[in-house]
Amino acid sequence: MLLLLLLGSQAATAQVDTNHHHLMGGEGQVEEETVYDPDLQQYIVIRRAGGAELSRQYLSEKEYRTRQSAREIMDYWKKKEKEKRDKEEKKEKEKKDKEENQFPNPPKISPAAMGHPSRPR
């Protein structure tokens, strides 16, 4: 009972970071949740897959901030690369559409319409 009270008081004072990170897509998705524990004065990074806890990592505030800065830089560059790919894909599609519209498929003309009799087989 005492253990439940102690655990309950820690859970009540912990603050959950609203940023959940999905580390993998699909069915085997790994989620990461960060919780700050003011009693320990540490951030707890919890990784879960399908509701099962995979690991816990305890970080000081400095370690947490360093980790967040690195993640923000990585996210920034991923976003820039995606924007670049999207722009290139759009440009390529516009080029392809322009080429298709510039030289539309000519109508099929029979040899007879061009003044050439067709040969029977």
PDB file of N, CA and C in Angstrom:
ATOM      1  N   MET A   1       0.825  -1.192   0.000  1.00  0.00           N
ATOM      2  CA  MET A   1       0.000   0.000   0.000  1.00  0.00           C
ATOM      3  C   MET A   1       0.864   1.249   0.000  1.00  0.00           C
ATOM      4  N   LEU A   2       1.900   1.254   0.849  1.00  0.00           N
ATOM      5  CA  LEU A   2       2.809   2.386   0.920  1.00  0.00           C
ATOM      6  C   LEU A   2       3.505   2.602  -0.422  1.00  0.00           C
ATOM      7  N   LEU A   3       3.861   1.498  -1.076  1.00  0.00           N
ATOM      8  CA  LEU A   3       4.495   1.575  -2.384  1.00  0.00           C
ATOM      9  C   LEU A   3       3.570   2.240  -3.393  1.00  0.00           C
ATOM     10  N   LEU A   4       2.292   1.906  -3.369  1.00  0.00           N
ATOM     11  CA  LEU A   4       1.325   2.523  -4.270  1.00  0.00           C
ATOM     12  C   LEU A   4       1.197   4.013  -4.013  1.00  0.00           C
ATOM     13  N   LEU A   5       1.230   4.417  -2.740  1.00  0.00           N
ATOM     14  CA  LEU A   5       1.157   5.839  -2.418  1.00  0.00           C
ATOM     15  C   LEU A   5       2.383   6.575  -2.939  1.00  0.00           C
ATOM     16  N   LEU A   6       3.555   5.969  -2.786  1.00  0.00           N
ATOM     17  CA  LEU A   6       4.781   6.597  -3.286  1.00  0.00           C
ATOM     18  C   LEU A   6       4.755   6.703  -4.799  1.00  0.00           C
ATOM     19  N   LEU A   7       4.348   5.630  -5.472  1.00  0.00           N
ATOM     20  CA  LEU A   7       4.264   5.657  -6.927  1.00  0.00           C
ATOM     21  C   LEU A   7       3.212   6.648  -7.388  1.00  0.00           C
ATOM     22  N   GLY A   8       2.112   6.715  -6.678  1.00  0.00           N
ATOM     23  CA  GLY A   8       1.054   7.652  -7.030  1.00  0.00           C
ATOM     24  C   GLY A   8       1.511   9.090  -6.896  1.00  0.00           C
ATOM     25  N   SER A   9       2.306   9.403  -5.877  1.00  0.00           N
ATOM     26  CA  SER A   9       2.766  10.776  -5.709  1.00  0.00           C
ATOM     27  C   SER A   9       3.766  11.152  -6.793  1.00  0.00           C
ATOM     28  N   GLN A  10       4.601  10.206  -7.220  1.00  0.00           N
ATOM     29  CA  GLN A  10       5.536  10.502  -8.308  1.00  0.00           C
ATOM     30  C   GLN A  10       4.781  10.715  -9.609  1.00  0.00           C
ATOM     31  N   ALA A  11       3.805   9.876  -9.880  1.00  0.00           N
ATOM     32  CA  ALA A  11       3.038   9.998 -11.115  1.00  0.00           C
ATOM     33  C   ALA A  11       2.256  11.300 -11.145  1.00  0.00           C
ATOM     34  N   ALA A  12       1.766  11.719  -9.985  1.00  0.00           N
ATOM     35  CA  ALA A  12       0.962  12.943  -9.931  1.00  0.00           C
ATOM     36  C   ALA A  12       1.829  14.174 -10.175  1.00  0.00           C
ATOM     37  N   THR A  13       3.114  14.127  -9.781  1.00  0.00           N
ATOM     38  CA  THR A  13       3.956  15.299  -9.947  1.00  0.00           C
ATOM     39  C   THR A  13       4.717  15.292 -11.268  1.00  0.00           C
ATOM     40  N   ALA A  14       4.736  14.167 -11.961  1.00  0.00           N
ATOM     41  CA  ALA A  14       5.458  14.101 -13.231  1.00  0.00           C
ATOM     42  C   ALA A  14       4.696  14.877 -14.304  1.00  0.00           C
ATOM     43  N   GLN A  15       5.444  15.530 -15.161  1.00  0.00           N
ATOM     44  CA  GLN A  15       4.846  16.274 -16.254  1.00  0.00           C
ATOM     45  C   GLN A  15       5.181  15.560 -17.555  1.00  0.00           C
ATOM     46  N   VAL A  16       4.174  15.336 -18.366  1.00  0.00           N
ATOM     47  CA  VAL A  16       4.382  14.630 -19.627  1.00  0.00           C
ATOM     48  C   VAL A  16       4.680  15.638 -20.723  1.00  0.00           C
ATOM     49  N   ASP A  17       5.753  15.380 -21.445  1.00  0.00           N
ATOM     50  CA  ASP A  17       6.084  16.172 -22.624  1.00  0.00           C
ATOM     51  C   ASP A  17       5.094  15.761 -23.708  1.00  0.00           C
ATOM     52  N   THR A  18       4.432  16.720 -24.316  1.00  0.00           N
ATOM     53  CA  THR A  18       3.395  16.392 -25.296  1.00  0.00           C
ATOM     54  C   THR A  18       3.970  15.908 -26.616  1.00  0.00           C
ATOM     55  N   ASN A  19       5.279  15.972 -26.798  1.00  0.00           N
ATOM     56  CA  ASN A  19       5.882  15.515 -28.041  1.00  0.00           C
ATOM     57  C   ASN A  19       6.131  14.015 -27.989  1.00  0.00           C
ATOM     58  N   HIS A  20       5.287  13.291 -28.689  1.00  0.00           N
ATOM     59  CA  HIS A  20       5.496  11.852 -28.857  1.00  0.00           C
ATOM     60  C   HIS A  20       6.185  11.699 -30.205  1.00  0.00           C
ATOM     61  N   HIS A  21       7.203  10.899 -30.247  1.00  0.00           N
ATOM     62  CA  HIS A  21       7.925  10.700 -31.498  1.00  0.00           C
ATOM     63  C   HIS A  21       7.717   9.277 -31.970  1.00  0.00           C
ATOM     64  N   HIS A  22       7.354   9.150 -33.238  1.00  0.00           N
ATOM     65  CA  HIS A  22       7.176   7.847 -33.854  1.00  0.00           C
ATOM     66  C   HIS A  22       8.472   7.518 -34.582  1.00  0.00           C
ATOM     67  N   LEU A  23       9.141   6.483 -34.112  1.00  0.00           N
ATOM     68  CA  LEU A  23      10.466   6.170 -34.630  1.00  0.00           C
ATOM     69  C   LEU A  23      10.426   5.246 -35.834  1.00  0.00           C
ATOM     70  N   MET A  24       9.361   4.494 -35.995  1.00  0.00           N
ATOM     71  CA  MET A  24       9.222   3.606 -37.144  1.00  0.00           C
ATOM     72  C   MET A  24       7.772   3.632 -37.592  1.00  0.00           C
ATOM     73  N   GLY A  25       7.541   3.436 -38.872  1.00  0.00           N
ATOM     74  CA  GLY A  25       6.171   3.390 -39.367  1.00  0.00           C
ATOM     75  C   GLY A  25       5.630   1.970 -39.350  1.00  0.00           C
ATOM     76  N   GLY A  26       4.355   1.842 -39.653  1.00  0.00           N
ATOM     77  CA  GLY A  26       3.753   0.532 -39.798  1.00  0.00           C
ATOM     78  C   GLY A  26       3.313  -0.095 -38.486  1.00  0.00           C
ATOM     79  N   GLU A  27       3.071  -1.409 -38.539  1.00  0.00           N
ATOM     80  CA  GLU A  27       2.556  -2.148 -37.391  1.00  0.00           C
ATOM     81  C   GLU A  27       3.534  -2.147 -36.217  1.00  0.00           C
ATOM     82  N   GLY A  28       4.849  -2.263 -36.485  1.00  0.00           N
ATOM     83  CA  GLY A  28       5.849  -2.328 -35.435  1.00  0.00           C
ATOM     84  C   GLY A  28       6.291  -0.954 -34.989  1.00  0.00           C
ATOM     85  N   GLN A  29       5.383  -0.009 -34.959  1.00  0.00           N
ATOM     86  CA  GLN A  29       5.704   1.382 -34.652  1.00  0.00           C
ATOM     87  C   GLN A  29       6.220   1.530 -33.227  1.00  0.00           C
ATOM     88  N   VAL A  30       7.331   2.241 -33.098  1.00  0.00           N
ATOM     89  CA  VAL A  30       7.906   2.516 -31.785  1.00  0.00           C
ATOM     90  C   VAL A  30       7.592   3.973 -31.448  1.00  0.00           C
ATOM     91  N   GLU A  31       6.970   4.180 -30.291  1.00  0.00           N
ATOM     92  CA  GLU A  31       6.649   5.524 -29.842  1.00  0.00           C
ATOM     93  C   GLU A  31       7.574   5.895 -28.699  1.00  0.00           C
ATOM     94  N   GLU A  32       7.895   7.162 -28.651  1.00  0.00           N
ATOM     95  CA  GLU A  32       8.769   7.664 -27.600  1.00  0.00           C
ATOM     96  C   GLU A  32       8.029   8.753 -26.848  1.00  0.00           C
ATOM     97  N   GLU A  33       7.976   8.624 -25.542  1.00  0.00           N
ATOM     98  CA  GLU A  33       7.305   9.610 -24.695  1.00  0.00           C
ATOM     99  C   GLU A  33       8.327  10.129 -23.691  1.00  0.00           C
ATOM    100  N   THR A  34       8.327  11.434 -23.485  1.00  0.00           N
ATOM    101  CA  THR A  34       9.246  12.029 -22.527  1.00  0.00           C
ATOM    102  C   THR A  34       8.447  12.575 -21.350  1.00  0.00           C
ATOM    103  N   VAL A  35       8.862  12.198 -20.140  1.00  0.00           N
ATOM    104  CA  VAL A  35       8.202  12.616 -18.910  1.00  0.00           C
ATOM    105  C   VAL A  35       9.248  13.293 -18.028  1.00  0.00           C
ATOM    106  N   TYR A  36       8.900  14.442 -17.453  1.00  0.00           N
ATOM    107  CA  TYR A  36       9.804  15.103 -16.511  1.00  0.00           C
ATOM    108  C   TYR A  36       9.379  14.740 -15.100  1.00  0.00           C
ATOM    109  N   ASP A  37      10.333  14.285 -14.312  1.00  0.00           N
ATOM    110  CA  ASP A  37      10.071  13.943 -12.918  1.00  0.00           C
ATOM    111  C   ASP A  37      10.737  15.000 -12.045  1.00  0.00           C
ATOM    112  N   PRO A  38       9.951  15.914 -11.444  1.00  0.00           N
ATOM    113  CA  PRO A  38      10.537  16.986 -10.639  1.00  0.00           C
ATOM    114  C   PRO A  38      11.221  16.469  -9.366  1.00  0.00           C
ATOM    115  N   ASP A  39      10.784  15.312  -8.854  1.00  0.00           N
ATOM    116  CA  ASP A  39      11.438  14.755  -7.666  1.00  0.00           C
ATOM    117  C   ASP A  39      12.862  14.329  -7.987  1.00  0.00           C
ATOM    118  N   LEU A  40      13.049  13.700  -9.136  1.00  0.00           N
ATOM    119  CA  LEU A  40      14.383  13.269  -9.564  1.00  0.00           C
ATOM    120  C   LEU A  40      15.135  14.375 -10.295  1.00  0.00           C
ATOM    121  N   GLN A  41      14.388  15.392 -10.735  1.00  0.00           N
ATOM    122  CA  GLN A  41      14.914  16.471 -11.568  1.00  0.00           C
ATOM    123  C   GLN A  41      15.584  15.893 -12.814  1.00  0.00           C
ATOM    124  N   GLN A  42      14.877  14.951 -13.420  1.00  0.00           N
ATOM    125  CA  GLN A  42      15.364  14.309 -14.634  1.00  0.00           C
ATOM    126  C   GLN A  42      14.213  14.092 -15.607  1.00  0.00           C
ATOM    127  N   TYR A  43      14.592  13.988 -16.861  1.00  0.00           N
ATOM    128  CA  TYR A  43      13.645  13.628 -17.904  1.00  0.00           C
ATOM    129  C   TYR A  43      13.748  12.127 -18.104  1.00  0.00           C
ATOM    130  N   ILE A  44      12.606  11.485 -18.253  1.00  0.00           N
ATOM    131  CA  ILE A  44      12.576  10.045 -18.482  1.00  0.00           C
ATOM    132  C   ILE A  44      12.024   9.831 -19.892  1.00  0.00           C
ATOM    133  N   VAL A  45      12.827   9.209 -20.730  1.00  0.00           N
ATOM    134  CA  VAL A  45      12.420   8.904 -22.101  1.00  0.00           C
ATOM    135  C   VAL A  45      11.994   7.445 -22.122  1.00  0.00           C
ATOM    136  N   ILE A  46      10.721   7.222 -22.449  1.00  0.00           N
ATOM    137  CA  ILE A  46      10.146   5.879 -22.446  1.00  0.00           C
ATOM    138  C   ILE A  46       9.824   5.483 -23.881  1.00  0.00           C
ATOM    139  N   ARG A  47      10.349   4.342 -24.307  1.00  0.00           N
ATOM    140  CA  ARG A  47      10.055   3.820 -25.654  1.00  0.00           C
ATOM    141  C   ARG A  47       9.110   2.644 -25.515  1.00  0.00           C
ATOM    142  N   ARG A  48       8.055   2.676 -26.372  1.00  0.00           N
ATOM    143  CA  ARG A  48       7.042   1.624 -26.350  1.00  0.00           C
ATOM    144  C   ARG A  48       6.744   1.156 -27.769  1.00  0.00           C
ATOM    145  N   ALA A  49       6.383  -0.096 -27.864  1.00  0.00           N
ATOM    146  CA  ALA A  49       5.899  -0.664 -29.127  1.00  0.00           C
ATOM    147  C   ALA A  49       4.664  -1.489 -28.796  1.00  0.00           C
ATOM    148  N   GLY A  50       3.561  -1.145 -29.411  1.00  0.00           N
ATOM    149  CA  GLY A  50       2.321  -1.874 -29.159  1.00  0.00           C
ATOM    150  C   GLY A  50       1.905  -1.843 -27.703  1.00  0.00           C
ATOM    151  N   GLY A  51       2.209  -0.767 -26.995  1.00  0.00           N
ATOM    152  CA  GLY A  51       1.831  -0.639 -25.597  1.00  0.00           C
ATOM    153  C   GLY A  51       2.838  -1.248 -24.629  1.00  0.00           C
ATOM    154  N   ALA A  52       3.767  -2.051 -25.122  1.00  0.00           N
ATOM    155  CA  ALA A  52       4.770  -2.675 -24.251  1.00  0.00           C
ATOM    156  C   ALA A  52       5.990  -1.757 -24.144  1.00  0.00           C
ATOM    157  N   GLU A  53       6.442  -1.552 -22.933  1.00  0.00           N
ATOM    158  CA  GLU A  53       7.606  -0.697 -22.714  1.00  0.00           C
ATOM    159  C   GLU A  53       8.876  -1.429 -23.151  1.00  0.00           C
ATOM    160  N   LEU A  54       9.650  -0.763 -24.000  1.00  0.00           N
ATOM    161  CA  LEU A  54      10.901  -1.345 -24.481  1.00  0.00           C
ATOM    162  C   LEU A  54      12.092  -0.903 -23.649  1.00  0.00           C
ATOM    163  N   SER A  55      12.115   0.406 -23.329  1.00  0.00           N
ATOM    164  CA  SER A  55      13.258   0.915 -22.572  1.00  0.00           C
ATOM    165  C   SER A  55      12.905   2.232 -21.890  1.00  0.00           C
ATOM    166  N   ARG A  56      13.762   2.589 -20.915  1.00  0.00           N
ATOM    167  CA  ARG A  56      13.675   3.878 -20.223  1.00  0.00           C
ATOM    168  C   ARG A  56      15.072   4.468 -20.203  1.00  0.00           C
ATOM    169  N   GLN A  57      15.126   5.766 -20.407  1.00  0.00           N
ATOM    170  CA  GLN A  57      16.411   6.453 -20.358  1.00  0.00           C
ATOM    171  C   GLN A  57      16.224   7.697 -19.488  1.00  0.00           C
ATOM    172  N   TYR A  58      17.124   7.886 -18.548  1.00  0.00           N
ATOM    173  CA  TYR A  58      17.052   9.035 -17.640  1.00  0.00           C
ATOM    174  C   TYR A  58      18.077  10.070 -18.098  1.00  0.00           C
ATOM    175  N   LEU A  59      17.604  11.316 -18.277  1.00  0.00           N
ATOM    176  CA  LEU A  59      18.465  12.390 -18.772  1.00  0.00           C
ATOM    177  C   LEU A  59      18.422  13.597 -17.841  1.00  0.00           C
ATOM    178  N   SER A  60      19.561  14.222 -17.674  1.00  0.00           N
ATOM    179  CA  SER A  60      19.593  15.501 -16.956  1.00  0.00           C
ATOM    180  C   SER A  60      18.981  16.549 -17.878  1.00  0.00           C
ATOM    181  N   GLU A  61      18.730  17.727 -17.338  1.00  0.00           N
ATOM    182  CA  GLU A  61      18.154  18.783 -18.175  1.00  0.00           C
ATOM    183  C   GLU A  61      19.087  19.136 -19.327  1.00  0.00           C
ATOM    184  N   LYS A  62      20.390  19.213 -19.053  1.00  0.00           N
ATOM    185  CA  LYS A  62      21.363  19.541 -20.098  1.00  0.00           C
ATOM    186  C   LYS A  62      21.376  18.464 -21.186  1.00  0.00           C
ATOM    187  N   GLU A  63      21.351  17.194 -20.786  1.00  0.00           N
ATOM    188  CA  GLU A  63      21.333  16.097 -21.766  1.00  0.00           C
ATOM    189  C   GLU A  63      20.051  16.144 -22.607  1.00  0.00           C
ATOM    190  N   TYR A  64      18.936  16.434 -21.936  1.00  0.00           N
ATOM    191  CA  TYR A  64      17.653  16.502 -22.631  1.00  0.00           C
ATOM    192  C   TYR A  64      17.656  17.642 -23.654  1.00  0.00           C
ATOM    193  N   ARG A  65      18.129  18.819 -23.247  1.00  0.00           N
ATOM    194  CA  ARG A  65      18.175  19.973 -24.163  1.00  0.00           C
ATOM    195  C   ARG A  65      19.096  19.693 -25.356  1.00  0.00           C
ATOM    196  N   THR A  66      20.228  19.066 -25.101  1.00  0.00           N
ATOM    197  CA  THR A  66      21.151  18.710 -26.190  1.00  0.00           C
ATOM    198  C   THR A  66      20.475  17.752 -27.160  1.00  0.00           C
ATOM    199  N   ARG A  67      19.776  16.783 -26.603  1.00  0.00           N
ATOM    200  CA  ARG A  67      19.061  15.798 -27.424  1.00  0.00           C
ATOM    201  C   ARG A  67      17.973  16.481 -28.256  1.00  0.00           C
ATOM    202  N   GLN A  68      17.211  17.377 -27.632  1.00  0.00           N
ATOM    203  CA  GLN A  68      16.148  18.087 -28.342  1.00  0.00           C
ATOM    204  C   GLN A  68      16.714  18.972 -29.450  1.00  0.00           C
ATOM    205  N   SER A  69      17.823  19.654 -29.175  1.00  0.00           N
ATOM    206  CA  SER A  69      18.447  20.503 -30.196  1.00  0.00           C
ATOM    207  C   SER A  69      18.886  19.666 -31.389  1.00  0.00           C
ATOM    208  N   ALA A  70      19.512  18.529 -31.119  1.00  0.00           N
ATOM    209  CA  ALA A  70      19.952  17.641 -32.201  1.00  0.00           C
ATOM    210  C   ALA A  70      18.755  17.138 -33.004  1.00  0.00           C
ATOM    211  N   ARG A  71      17.664  16.802 -32.307  1.00  0.00           N
ATOM    212  CA  ARG A  71      16.455  16.320 -32.995  1.00  0.00           C
ATOM    213  C   ARG A  71      15.851  17.433 -33.858  1.00  0.00           C
ATOM    214  N   GLU A  72      15.819  18.664 -33.341  1.00  0.00           N
ATOM    215  CA  GLU A  72      15.269  19.784 -34.112  1.00  0.00           C
ATOM    216  C   GLU A  72      16.098  20.059 -35.355  1.00  0.00           C
ATOM    217  N   ILE A  73      17.417  19.968 -35.234  1.00  0.00           N
ATOM    218  CA  ILE A  73      18.288  20.170 -36.400  1.00  0.00           C
ATOM    219  C   ILE A  73      18.038  19.074 -37.429  1.00  0.00           C
ATOM    220  N   MET A  74      17.946  17.826 -36.977  1.00  0.00           N
ATOM    221  CA  MET A  74      17.689  16.714 -37.886  1.00  0.00           C
ATOM    222  C   MET A  74      16.327  16.872 -38.565  1.00  0.00           C
ATOM    223  N   ASP A  75      15.302  17.245 -37.811  1.00  0.00           N
ATOM    224  CA  ASP A  75      13.972  17.451 -38.379  1.00  0.00           C
ATOM    225  C   ASP A  75      13.979  18.580 -39.404  1.00  0.00           C
ATOM    226  N   TYR A  76      14.731  19.648 -39.117  1.00  0.00           N
ATOM    227  CA  TYR A  76      14.833  20.778 -40.046  1.00  0.00           C
ATOM    228  C   TYR A  76      15.388  20.310 -41.387  1.00  0.00           C
ATOM    229  N   TRP A  77      16.480  19.556 -41.360  1.00  0.00           N
ATOM    230  CA  TRP A  77      17.110  19.111 -42.603  1.00  0.00           C
ATOM    231  C   TRP A  77      16.264  18.084 -43.331  1.00  0.00           C
ATOM    232  N   LYS A  78      15.552  17.235 -42.592  1.00  0.00           N
ATOM    233  CA  LYS A  78      14.633  16.293 -43.240  1.00  0.00           C
ATOM    234  C   LYS A  78      13.535  17.058 -43.978  1.00  0.00           C
ATOM    235  N   LYS A  79      13.020  18.111 -43.334  1.00  0.00           N
ATOM    236  CA  LYS A  79      11.972  18.931 -43.946  1.00  0.00           C
ATOM    237  C   LYS A  79      12.503  19.610 -45.204  1.00  0.00           C
ATOM    238  N   LYS A  80      13.716  20.168 -45.129  1.00  0.00           N
ATOM    239  CA  LYS A  80      14.317  20.834 -46.290  1.00  0.00           C
ATOM    240  C   LYS A  80      14.516  19.855 -47.449  1.00  0.00           C
ATOM    241  N   GLU A  81      14.994  18.649 -47.145  1.00  0.00           N
ATOM    242  CA  GLU A  81      15.187  17.636 -48.187  1.00  0.00           C
ATOM    243  C   GLU A  81      13.862  17.241 -48.819  1.00  0.00           C
ATOM    244  N   LYS A  82      12.826  17.104 -48.002  1.00  0.00           N
ATOM    245  CA  LYS A  82      11.512  16.748 -48.538  1.00  0.00           C
ATOM    246  C   LYS A  82      10.984  17.859 -49.440  1.00  0.00           C
ATOM    247  N   GLU A  83      11.142  19.111 -49.004  1.00  0.00           N
ATOM    248  CA  GLU A  83      10.705  20.242 -49.828  1.00  0.00           C
ATOM    249  C   GLU A  83      11.447  20.251 -51.157  1.00  0.00           C
ATOM    250  N   LYS A  84      12.737  19.971 -51.117  1.00  0.00           N
ATOM    251  CA  LYS A  84      13.553  19.940 -52.338  1.00  0.00           C
ATOM    252  C   LYS A  84      13.078  18.829 -53.274  1.00  0.00           C
ATOM    253  N   ARG A  85      12.848  17.614 -52.725  1.00  0.00           N
ATOM    254  CA  ARG A  85      12.358  16.493 -53.543  1.00  0.00           C
ATOM    255  C   ARG A  85      10.993  16.810 -54.138  1.00  0.00           C
ATOM    256  N   ASP A  86      10.101  17.381 -53.314  1.00  0.00           N
ATOM    257  CA  ASP A  86       8.757  17.716 -53.799  1.00  0.00           C
ATOM    258  C   ASP A  86       8.826  18.734 -54.930  1.00  0.00           C
ATOM    259  N   LYS A  87       9.704  19.730 -54.779  1.00  0.00           N
ATOM    260  CA  LYS A  87       9.859  20.760 -55.807  1.00  0.00           C
ATOM    261  C   LYS A  87      10.390  20.153 -57.103  1.00  0.00           C
ATOM    262  N   GLU A  88      11.379  19.265 -56.984  1.00  0.00           N
ATOM    263  CA  GLU A  88      11.941  18.612 -58.175  1.00  0.00           C
ATOM    264  C   GLU A  88      10.907  17.721 -58.853  1.00  0.00           C
ATOM    265  N   GLU A  89      10.116  16.990 -58.056  1.00  0.00           N
ATOM    266  CA  GLU A  89       9.078  16.128 -58.611  1.00  0.00           C
ATOM    267  C   GLU A  89       8.008  16.954 -59.321  1.00  0.00           C
ATOM    268  N   LYS A  90       7.638  18.085 -58.725  1.00  0.00           N
ATOM    269  CA  LYS A  90       6.637  18.959 -59.340  1.00  0.00           C
ATOM    270  C   LYS A  90       7.165  19.516 -60.654  1.00  0.00           C
ATOM    271  N   LYS A  91       8.420  19.945 -60.655  1.00  0.00           N
ATOM    272  CA  LYS A  91       9.036  20.500 -61.863  1.00  0.00           C
ATOM    273  C   LYS A  91       9.101  19.437 -62.959  1.00  0.00           C
ATOM    274  N   GLU A  92       9.478  18.215 -62.603  1.00  0.00           N
ATOM    275  CA  GLU A  92       9.554  17.112 -63.569  1.00  0.00           C
ATOM    276  C   GLU A  92       8.173  16.788 -64.126  1.00  0.00           C
ATOM    277  N   LYS A  93       7.146  16.802 -63.260  1.00  0.00           N
ATOM    278  CA  LYS A  93       5.776  16.525 -63.715  1.00  0.00           C
ATOM    279  C   LYS A  93       5.298  17.614 -64.669  1.00  0.00           C
ATOM    280  N   GLU A  94       5.588  18.881 -64.332  1.00  0.00           N
ATOM    281  CA  GLU A  94       5.184  19.989 -65.203  1.00  0.00           C
ATOM    282  C   GLU A  94       5.880  19.881 -66.560  1.00  0.00           C
ATOM    283  N   LYS A  95       7.139  19.499 -66.553  1.00  0.00           N
ATOM    284  CA  LYS A  95       7.896  19.336 -67.804  1.00  0.00           C
ATOM    285  C   LYS A  95       7.288  18.223 -68.649  1.00  0.00           C
ATOM    286  N   LYS A  96       6.960  17.107 -67.997  1.00  0.00           N
ATOM    287  CA  LYS A  96       6.359  15.977 -68.708  1.00  0.00           C
ATOM    288  C   LYS A  96       4.992  16.360 -69.269  1.00  0.00           C
ATOM    289  N   ASP A  97       4.174  17.050 -68.463  1.00  0.00           N
ATOM    290  CA  ASP A  97       2.855  17.488 -68.923  1.00  0.00           C
ATOM    291  C   ASP A  97       2.978  18.444 -70.107  1.00  0.00           C
ATOM    292  N   LYS A  98       3.945  19.344 -70.045  1.00  0.00           N
ATOM    293  CA  LYS A  98       4.154  20.313 -71.133  1.00  0.00           C
ATOM    294  C   LYS A  98       4.547  19.592 -72.414  1.00  0.00           C
ATOM    295  N   GLU A  99       5.446  18.606 -72.298  1.00  0.00           N
ATOM    296  CA  GLU A  99       5.870  17.848 -73.484  1.00  0.00           C
ATOM    297  C   GLU A  99       4.703  17.073 -74.079  1.00  0.00           C
ATOM    298  N   GLU A 100       3.872  16.481 -73.243  1.00  0.00           N
ATOM    299  CA  GLU A 100       2.722  15.722 -73.736  1.00  0.00           C
ATOM    300  C   GLU A 100       1.716  16.635 -74.428  1.00  0.00           C
ATOM    301  N   ASN A 101       1.521  17.834 -73.912  1.00  0.00           N
ATOM    302  CA  ASN A 101       0.561  18.766 -74.505  1.00  0.00           C
ATOM    303  C   ASN A 101       1.124  19.473 -75.735  1.00  0.00           C
ATOM    304  N   GLN A 102       2.440  19.565 -75.821  1.00  0.00           N
ATOM    305  CA  GLN A 102       3.064  20.251 -76.952  1.00  0.00           C
ATOM    306  C   GLN A 102       2.943  19.420 -78.226  1.00  0.00           C
ATOM    307  N   PHE A 103       3.069  18.138 -78.111  1.00  0.00           N
ATOM    308  CA  PHE A 103       2.984  17.247 -79.261  1.00  0.00           C
ATOM    309  C   PHE A 103       1.934  16.177 -79.003  1.00  0.00           C
ATOM    310  N   PRO A 104       0.659  16.579 -79.127  1.00  0.00           N
ATOM    311  CA  PRO A 104      -0.391  15.597 -78.869  1.00  0.00           C
ATOM    312  C   PRO A 104      -0.345  14.487 -79.921  1.00  0.00           C
ATOM    313  N   ASN A 105      -0.873  13.364 -79.590  1.00  0.00           N
ATOM    314  CA  ASN A 105      -0.894  12.245 -80.525  1.00  0.00           C
ATOM    315  C   ASN A 105      -1.725  12.631 -81.736  1.00  0.00           C
ATOM    316  N   PRO A 106      -1.128  12.525 -82.931  1.00  0.00           N
ATOM    317  CA  PRO A 106      -1.887  12.876 -84.138  1.00  0.00           C
ATOM    318  C   PRO A 106      -2.964  11.825 -84.398  1.00  0.00           C
ATOM    319  N   PRO A 107      -4.042  12.253 -85.048  1.00  0.00           N
ATOM    320  CA  PRO A 107      -5.095  11.283 -85.347  1.00  0.00           C
ATOM    321  C   PRO A 107      -4.581  10.241 -86.325  1.00  0.00           C
ATOM    322  N   LYS A 108      -5.098   9.049 -86.248  1.00  0.00           N
ATOM    323  CA  LYS A 108      -4.723   7.973 -87.158  1.00  0.00           C
ATOM    324  C   LYS A 108      -5.386   8.248 -88.509  1.00  0.00           C
ATOM    325  N   ILE A 109      -4.561   8.268 -89.541  1.00  0.00           N
ATOM    326  CA  ILE A 109      -5.066   8.516 -90.890  1.00  0.00           C
ATOM    327  C   ILE A 109      -4.811   7.255 -91.701  1.00  0.00           C
ATOM    328  N   SER A 110      -5.842   6.793 -92.353  1.00  0.00           N
ATOM    329  CA  SER A 110      -5.701   5.579 -93.159  1.00  0.00           C
ATOM    330  C   SER A 110      -4.915   5.897 -94.422  1.00  0.00           C
ATOM    331  N   PRO A 111      -4.203   4.930 -94.964  1.00  0.00           N
ATOM    332  CA  PRO A 111      -3.470   5.161 -96.219  1.00  0.00           C
ATOM    333  C   PRO A 111      -4.388   5.623 -97.340  1.00  0.00           C
ATOM    334  N   ALA A 112      -5.639   5.162 -97.365  1.00  0.00           N
ATOM    335  CA  ALA A 112      -6.577   5.558 -98.421  1.00  0.00           C
ATOM    336  C   ALA A 112      -6.891   7.045 -98.330  1.00  0.00           C
ATOM    337  N   ALA A 113      -6.973   7.578 -97.123  1.00  0.00           N
ATOM    338  CA  ALA A 113      -7.280   8.989 -96.955  1.00  0.00           C
ATOM    339  C   ALA A 113      -6.108   9.844 -97.431  1.00  0.00           C
ATOM    340  N   MET A 114      -4.926   9.280 -97.445  1.00  0.00           N
ATOM    341  CA  MET A 114      -3.758  10.029 -97.899  1.00  0.00           C
ATOM    342  C   MET A 114      -3.541   9.845 -99.399  1.00  0.00           C
ATOM    343  N   GLY A 115      -4.464   9.130-100.064  1.00  0.00           N
ATOM    344  CA  GLY A 115      -4.353   8.945-101.506  1.00  0.00           C
ATOM    345  C   GLY A 115      -3.594   7.690-101.874  1.00  0.00           C
ATOM    346  N   HIS A 116      -3.279   6.863-100.948  1.00  0.00           N
ATOM    347  CA  HIS A 116      -2.605   5.609-101.214  1.00  0.00           C
ATOM    348  C   HIS A 116      -3.580   4.459-100.997  1.00  0.00           C
ATOM    349  N   PRO A 117      -3.795   3.701-102.015  1.00  0.00           N
ATOM    350  CA  PRO A 117      -4.695   2.570-101.812  1.00  0.00           C
ATOM    351  C   PRO A 117      -4.023   1.529-100.907  1.00  0.00           C
ATOM    352  N   SER A 118      -4.790   0.972-100.051  1.00  0.00           N
ATOM    353  CA  SER A 118      -4.232  -0.077 -99.188  1.00  0.00           C
ATOM    354  C   SER A 118      -4.170  -1.375 -99.973  1.00  0.00           C
ATOM    355  N   ARG A 119      -3.194  -2.163 -99.702  1.00  0.00           N
ATOM    356  CA  ARG A 119      -3.023  -3.424-100.410  1.00  0.00           C
ATOM    357  C   ARG A 119      -3.789  -4.526 -99.691  1.00  0.00           C
ATOM    358  N   PRO A 120      -4.551  -5.279-100.416  1.00  0.00           N
ATOM    359  CA  PRO A 120      -5.216  -6.405 -99.784  1.00  0.00           C
ATOM    360  C   PRO A 120      -4.213  -7.510 -99.465  1.00  0.00           C
ATOM    361  N   ARG A 121      -4.455  -8.256 -98.519  1.00  0.00           N
ATOM    362  CA  ARG A 121      -3.542  -9.357 -98.154  1.00  0.00           C
ATOM    363  C   ARG A 121      -3.945 -10.649 -98.758  1.00  0.00           C
TER     364      ARG A 121
END
